[in-house]
Each structure stands twice: as structure tokens, then as C-alpha cells.
Amino acid sequence: MSIIKTKFLRPITSPEQIDKIDESLSWAVRCQMKPRWTFEITLFKLAQWVAVPAISEILLDPMVQEKRQQTLLSCGYSELWAVLLSDSYIDAYTVPVTLEGLEEFRRKIGAFDCALFAGEPEPDWVLISIESELDVIAGSADFIGQLLDCEIEEAFSHFQNYARHQPIKQLREYLQLVHDRLKGNYQKAQIGAEFRLTP
């Protein structure tokens, strides 16, 4: 049962629907508890997918949110699934593809380790937020290009520039590590290859 109060997001309580959402997400993402109460988030390589790290949308302006909302609508999505990754039980929500719904997702859920995605039985794409520090977006190159409004190489370049200018050394090194793990490696990897996204 959800403990996050929401206005636009709808908590999913049906065990059958939760199982379906969990099974769909498990094609692309695994999250598991490690010693000392840390979580390890792993992204799997899926066919035809690329993966790009991006600056968390919390830092971006409302015009970017509106562009992303329009992209999602033009791709035929009216509702998405959001799942908190670091819970011992599945905490899932439906997210309407409205400015209010996407903004509430970012404020209420995007500050935690979570996934936003659509599609079944496998996800069409997935956006993984990691502690509001960064997003990793995986899916077709065309979809990611539309969502980020730039080419894949340009997205990597933007992210690396962002990482280089982080004043905290640990965060700077972590962001660079995620960049280096994904750039050139994810796209060439065999289907099912694993890419750890947490330190």
C-alpha cells in the first residue's frame, strides 16, 4: 500500500496488476538489496535499445517538461507506470501524461530510486531516476532522441559536461562512471547484458 500522497498519480493496489507491471519492468531493470542497506540498480540490454544518462529533470525548466509531455502524447501514450525501486514491496502508480501528472511524478516519486515506463509484456522504454542525481533513459534511439530533443551523442556530451562541473568529487566521479559504463558499451552489448547504474 502506497504511503505517498498524490493528487494526479493513482496508486495501483490490484495484486494482479502489480504483478504484471513488475514482470514487465523486470525485462529491463533489476533492483536488489546489498549489504549495509544499499541498493544495486541494474539495467539490462534489450534488442534495438540504446541507453543515455541525463540530467535529472528536477533541474530543468517547465518548457522542457512541456516538450517531453508532447513527445509522449505524440507517441500514443496517455498513461505511464511509475515504480519505486528501493522498496521491499512493489509501490506502483499510474502517471497521466499531463503536465500536472508528470510534474507530480517528478516531485513525489522522482526524488527516489524509481522507474517510469510504458509497454508490455516488455517495456517500450524506461526512464530510471537515481536519487534525483541523474536519469538513465533506455529505449529506441528514435524515441530517446525525441524525448531529449537531441541526438544520442549530443546527449552524452551534455551529460559529461554536467558531470565535469559538479563541485562534489564523489558525485562527479559517480556521474562520470555511469557515463563511461553506458557510452559505446550498452549499444554494442549482447541482449541480456547487465549494466550496473549505482556506485
Protein backbone atom coordinates (compact mmCIF):
# COMPACT_ATOMS: atom_id res chain seq x y z
CA MET A 1 0.00 0.00 0.00
CA SER A 2 1.30 3.42 -1.01
CA ILE A 3 2.35 5.95 1.64
CA ILE A 4 2.99 8.82 -0.79
CA LYS A 5 0.09 11.26 -1.00
CA THR A 6 -0.70 12.16 -4.60
CA LYS A 7 -3.25 14.25 -6.43
CA PHE A 8 -2.77 13.19 -10.06
CA LEU A 9 -0.94 9.87 -9.74
CA ARG A 10 -3.07 6.85 -8.94
CA PRO A 11 -1.65 4.16 -6.62
CA ILE A 12 -2.03 0.65 -8.02
CA THR A 13 -3.47 -1.73 -5.45
CA SER A 14 -4.57 -4.73 -7.54
CA PRO A 15 -2.09 -7.59 -6.87
CA GLU A 16 -2.64 -8.88 -10.42
CA GLN A 17 -1.83 -5.51 -11.99
CA ILE A 18 1.17 -5.03 -9.71
CA ASP A 19 2.50 -8.45 -10.76
CA LYS A 20 2.01 -7.54 -14.43
CA ILE A 21 3.85 -4.22 -14.02
CA ASP A 22 6.67 -5.87 -12.04
CA GLU A 23 7.06 -8.60 -14.66
CA SER A 24 7.19 -6.04 -17.48
CA LEU A 25 9.80 -3.92 -15.69
CA SER A 26 11.89 -6.99 -14.84
CA TRP A 27 12.75 -7.39 -18.54
CA ALA A 28 14.77 -4.17 -18.32
CA VAL A 29 15.61 -3.37 -14.67
CA ARG A 30 16.63 -5.24 -11.54
CA CYS A 31 16.94 -3.66 -8.12
CA GLN A 32 18.29 -5.65 -5.20
CA MET A 33 19.32 -5.01 -1.64
CA LYS A 34 23.02 -5.25 -0.92
CA PRO A 35 24.88 -5.35 2.43
CA ARG A 36 24.69 -2.20 4.60
CA TRP A 37 21.24 -1.29 3.26
CA THR A 38 22.39 -0.17 -0.17
CA PHE A 39 20.52 -0.88 -3.38
CA GLU A 40 22.01 -2.00 -6.64
CA ILE A 41 20.14 -0.96 -9.78
CA THR A 42 20.96 -2.89 -12.94
CA LEU A 43 19.82 -2.11 -16.49
CA PHE A 44 19.59 -4.98 -18.98
CA LYS A 45 20.36 -4.64 -22.68
CA LEU A 46 17.22 -5.15 -24.75
CA ALA A 47 17.03 -5.54 -28.54
CA GLN A 48 17.25 -2.29 -30.52
CA TRP A 49 17.75 -0.24 -27.32
CA VAL A 50 20.28 2.46 -26.53
CA ALA A 51 20.78 3.93 -23.05
CA VAL A 52 21.70 7.52 -22.24
CA PRO A 53 22.38 9.24 -18.89
CA ALA A 54 20.62 12.57 -18.50
CA ILE A 55 20.46 15.42 -16.02
CA SER A 56 17.58 14.88 -13.62
CA GLU A 57 14.52 16.79 -14.79
CA ILE A 58 14.23 18.40 -11.35
CA LEU A 59 16.94 20.80 -12.54
CA LEU A 60 15.24 21.60 -15.86
CA ASP A 61 12.73 24.26 -16.80
CA PRO A 62 8.96 23.85 -17.45
CA MET A 63 9.38 24.29 -21.23
CA VAL A 64 11.40 21.06 -21.31
CA GLN A 65 8.64 19.27 -19.38
CA GLU A 66 6.06 20.50 -21.87
CA LYS A 67 8.16 19.28 -24.82
CA ARG A 68 8.53 15.86 -23.21
CA GLN A 69 4.82 15.67 -22.50
CA GLN A 70 4.08 16.46 -26.16
CA THR A 71 6.57 13.79 -27.27
CA LEU A 72 4.91 11.16 -25.07
CA LEU A 73 1.45 12.12 -26.34
CA SER A 74 2.59 12.05 -29.98
CA CYS A 75 3.96 8.53 -29.40
CA GLY A 76 0.48 7.45 -28.28
CA TYR A 77 0.95 7.36 -24.51
CA SER A 78 -1.82 8.72 -22.28
CA GLU A 79 -0.70 6.94 -19.11
CA LEU A 80 2.62 5.57 -17.81
CA TRP A 81 3.68 3.34 -14.94
CA ALA A 82 5.92 4.51 -12.11
CA VAL A 83 7.56 2.08 -9.69
CA LEU A 84 9.64 2.85 -6.61
CA LEU A 85 12.70 0.61 -6.91
CA SER A 86 14.05 0.62 -3.37
CA ASP A 87 11.00 -0.71 -1.54
CA SER A 88 10.82 -4.24 -0.20
CA TYR A 89 7.36 -4.44 -1.77
CA ILE A 90 6.16 -3.06 -5.10
CA ASP A 91 4.88 0.51 -4.80
CA ALA A 92 3.44 1.37 -8.22
CA TYR A 93 1.40 4.21 -9.70
CA THR A 94 -0.23 5.19 -12.95
CA VAL A 95 1.02 8.54 -14.22
CA PRO A 96 -1.22 10.51 -16.58
CA VAL A 97 0.67 12.09 -19.46
CA THR A 98 -0.33 15.61 -18.45
CA LEU A 99 1.92 18.41 -17.28
CA GLU A 100 0.42 18.05 -13.79
CA GLY A 101 0.88 14.28 -13.75
CA LEU A 102 4.49 14.39 -14.95
CA GLU A 103 5.33 17.22 -12.55
CA GLU A 104 3.82 15.33 -9.62
CA PHE A 105 5.80 12.24 -10.62
CA ARG A 106 9.00 14.32 -10.53
CA ARG A 107 8.24 15.96 -7.18
CA LYS A 108 6.78 12.99 -5.31
CA ILE A 109 8.50 9.94 -6.82
CA GLY A 110 11.39 11.14 -8.99
CA ALA A 111 13.41 12.17 -5.93
CA PHE A 112 13.72 8.45 -5.06
CA ASP A 113 15.15 5.49 -6.94
CA CYS A 114 12.32 4.80 -9.38
CA ALA A 115 11.39 3.77 -12.90
CA LEU A 116 8.92 5.38 -15.27
CA PHE A 117 7.95 3.28 -18.29
CA ALA A 118 5.27 2.03 -20.65
CA GLY A 119 4.65 -1.17 -22.59
CA GLU A 120 4.01 -4.84 -22.02
CA PRO A 121 4.95 -7.65 -21.89
CA GLU A 122 8.33 -5.88 -22.29
CA PRO A 123 8.73 -2.14 -21.73
CA ASP A 124 8.78 0.07 -24.83
CA TRP A 125 11.30 2.24 -22.96
CA VAL A 126 12.27 3.04 -19.38
CA LEU A 127 13.44 6.13 -17.51
CA ILE A 128 15.31 5.28 -14.31
CA SER A 129 15.77 8.06 -11.74
CA ILE A 130 18.55 7.51 -9.24
CA GLU A 131 18.20 9.56 -6.03
CA SER A 132 17.39 12.72 -8.03
CA GLU A 133 21.06 12.82 -9.15
CA LEU A 134 20.53 11.55 -12.67
CA ASP A 135 18.18 9.80 -15.05
CA VAL A 136 19.05 6.95 -17.37
CA ILE A 137 16.76 6.64 -20.37
CA ALA A 138 16.75 3.39 -22.35
CA GLY A 139 14.75 2.57 -25.45
CA SER A 140 14.96 3.07 -29.20
CA ALA A 141 17.36 5.75 -30.42
CA ASP A 142 14.49 7.49 -32.20
CA PHE A 143 12.34 7.69 -29.06
CA ILE A 144 15.20 8.88 -26.84
CA GLY A 145 16.20 11.49 -29.43
CA GLN A 146 12.65 12.83 -29.44
CA LEU A 147 12.37 12.77 -25.65
CA LEU A 148 15.69 14.57 -25.12
CA ASP A 149 15.30 16.73 -28.23
CA CYS A 150 18.85 15.93 -29.38
CA GLU A 151 20.97 13.19 -30.94
CA ILE A 152 22.35 10.40 -28.73
CA GLU A 153 25.96 11.62 -29.00
CA GLU A 154 24.88 15.14 -28.08
CA ALA A 155 23.02 13.78 -25.03
CA PHE A 156 26.19 12.03 -23.84
CA SER A 157 28.19 15.21 -24.40
CA HIS A 158 25.68 17.33 -22.40
CA PHE A 159 25.76 14.84 -19.55
CA GLN A 160 29.55 14.61 -19.47
CA ASN A 161 29.80 18.41 -19.38
CA TYR A 162 27.31 18.45 -16.49
CA ALA A 163 29.29 15.76 -14.64
CA ARG A 164 32.61 17.58 -15.06
CA HIS A 165 31.24 20.70 -13.38
CA GLN A 166 29.94 19.01 -10.25
CA PRO A 167 31.68 20.55 -7.22
CA ILE A 168 31.45 17.39 -5.08
CA LYS A 169 34.20 14.97 -6.12
CA GLN A 170 32.28 11.80 -5.19
CA LEU A 171 29.24 12.83 -7.23
CA ARG A 172 31.42 13.94 -10.16
CA GLU A 173 33.19 10.55 -10.20
CA TYR A 174 29.92 8.63 -9.93
CA LEU A 175 28.28 10.54 -12.81
CA GLN A 176 31.38 10.02 -14.96
CA LEU A 177 31.32 6.31 -14.10
CA VAL A 178 27.70 5.95 -15.31
CA HIS A 179 28.57 7.91 -18.46
CA ASP A 180 31.56 5.67 -19.18
CA ARG A 181 29.67 2.42 -18.48
CA LEU A 182 26.96 3.30 -20.99
CA LYS A 183 28.71 5.25 -23.76
CA GLY A 184 29.54 2.92 -26.61
CA ASN A 185 29.14 -0.15 -24.40
CA TYR A 186 25.38 -0.51 -23.98
CA GLN A 187 24.56 -0.11 -27.67
CA LYS A 188 27.11 -2.77 -28.71
CA ALA A 189 26.30 -5.21 -25.90
CA GLN A 190 24.55 -8.52 -26.43
CA ILE A 191 20.91 -8.79 -25.46
CA GLY A 192 20.64 -9.55 -21.73
CA ALA A 193 23.98 -7.92 -20.81
CA GLU A 194 23.86 -6.18 -17.42
CA PHE A 195 24.87 -2.59 -16.66
CA ARG A 196 25.09 -1.53 -13.04
CA LEU A 197 23.85 2.04 -12.56
CA THR A 198 24.58 2.53 -8.86
CA PRO A 199 28.02 3.03 -7.29
